Every structure is written in structure tokens, then in C-alpha cells.
Amino acid sequence: MATPPVRLFALSTCIHCKALKKLLTRNNITFEWTDVDLLPKEERDHFFAQIAEHNPKKSFPIVMIGNKAIIGDQRKLILKELGLVDEQ
């Protein structure tokens, strides 16, 4: 079964975001990430406008697995969506 595309929207200073990056890397998950706080203001405003309906509190991290968004540090749910179990 092919793994759906995984994308992580994070903040460069967020410890939970960094933990999720490590989790995905440790489990050999190919993913793209964007540090939203480092985007130019116009791109950042556009991003927040797009996610406002689904994430009005602007919480991070946001993990997109295919078309499904998982908001917050929900490691077990992320691994479950990917069909994995974290060994650590």
C-alpha cells in the first residue's frame, strides 16, 4: 500500500513541531515541511486564511496525510494514520 503524501506545517521555535519531525524521520516517512513563521508575510497570511475554517486557533503543528489534517502533537494518531507503531 502506498503511503499518502505527508506534509508538516510547523513553527521554527515549536518543540512539538520538532518532535514530530523527529518522529517522521525516525519512522522513515518521507515528508515535506514548512516553517510557517518563516514565510514572507503575504504567504503566511494566505496560509492562515486557507486553514482558518479548519484550524481557527491557528494551532501547530499541522500534519497533512493525504487530504486529512491532524492538528496538534498527536503522535499516536499520526502513526495510526500511517499504519505504523512507534517503537520508542
Foldseek 3Di string as FASTA:
>chain_A
DDFAAKEKEAAPPDPLSVVVVVVCVVVVHDYYYDNLVPDPPVVSVVVCVVCCVVCVVPADIWMQGHNDIDGDNPVVVVQVSRVHDDPD
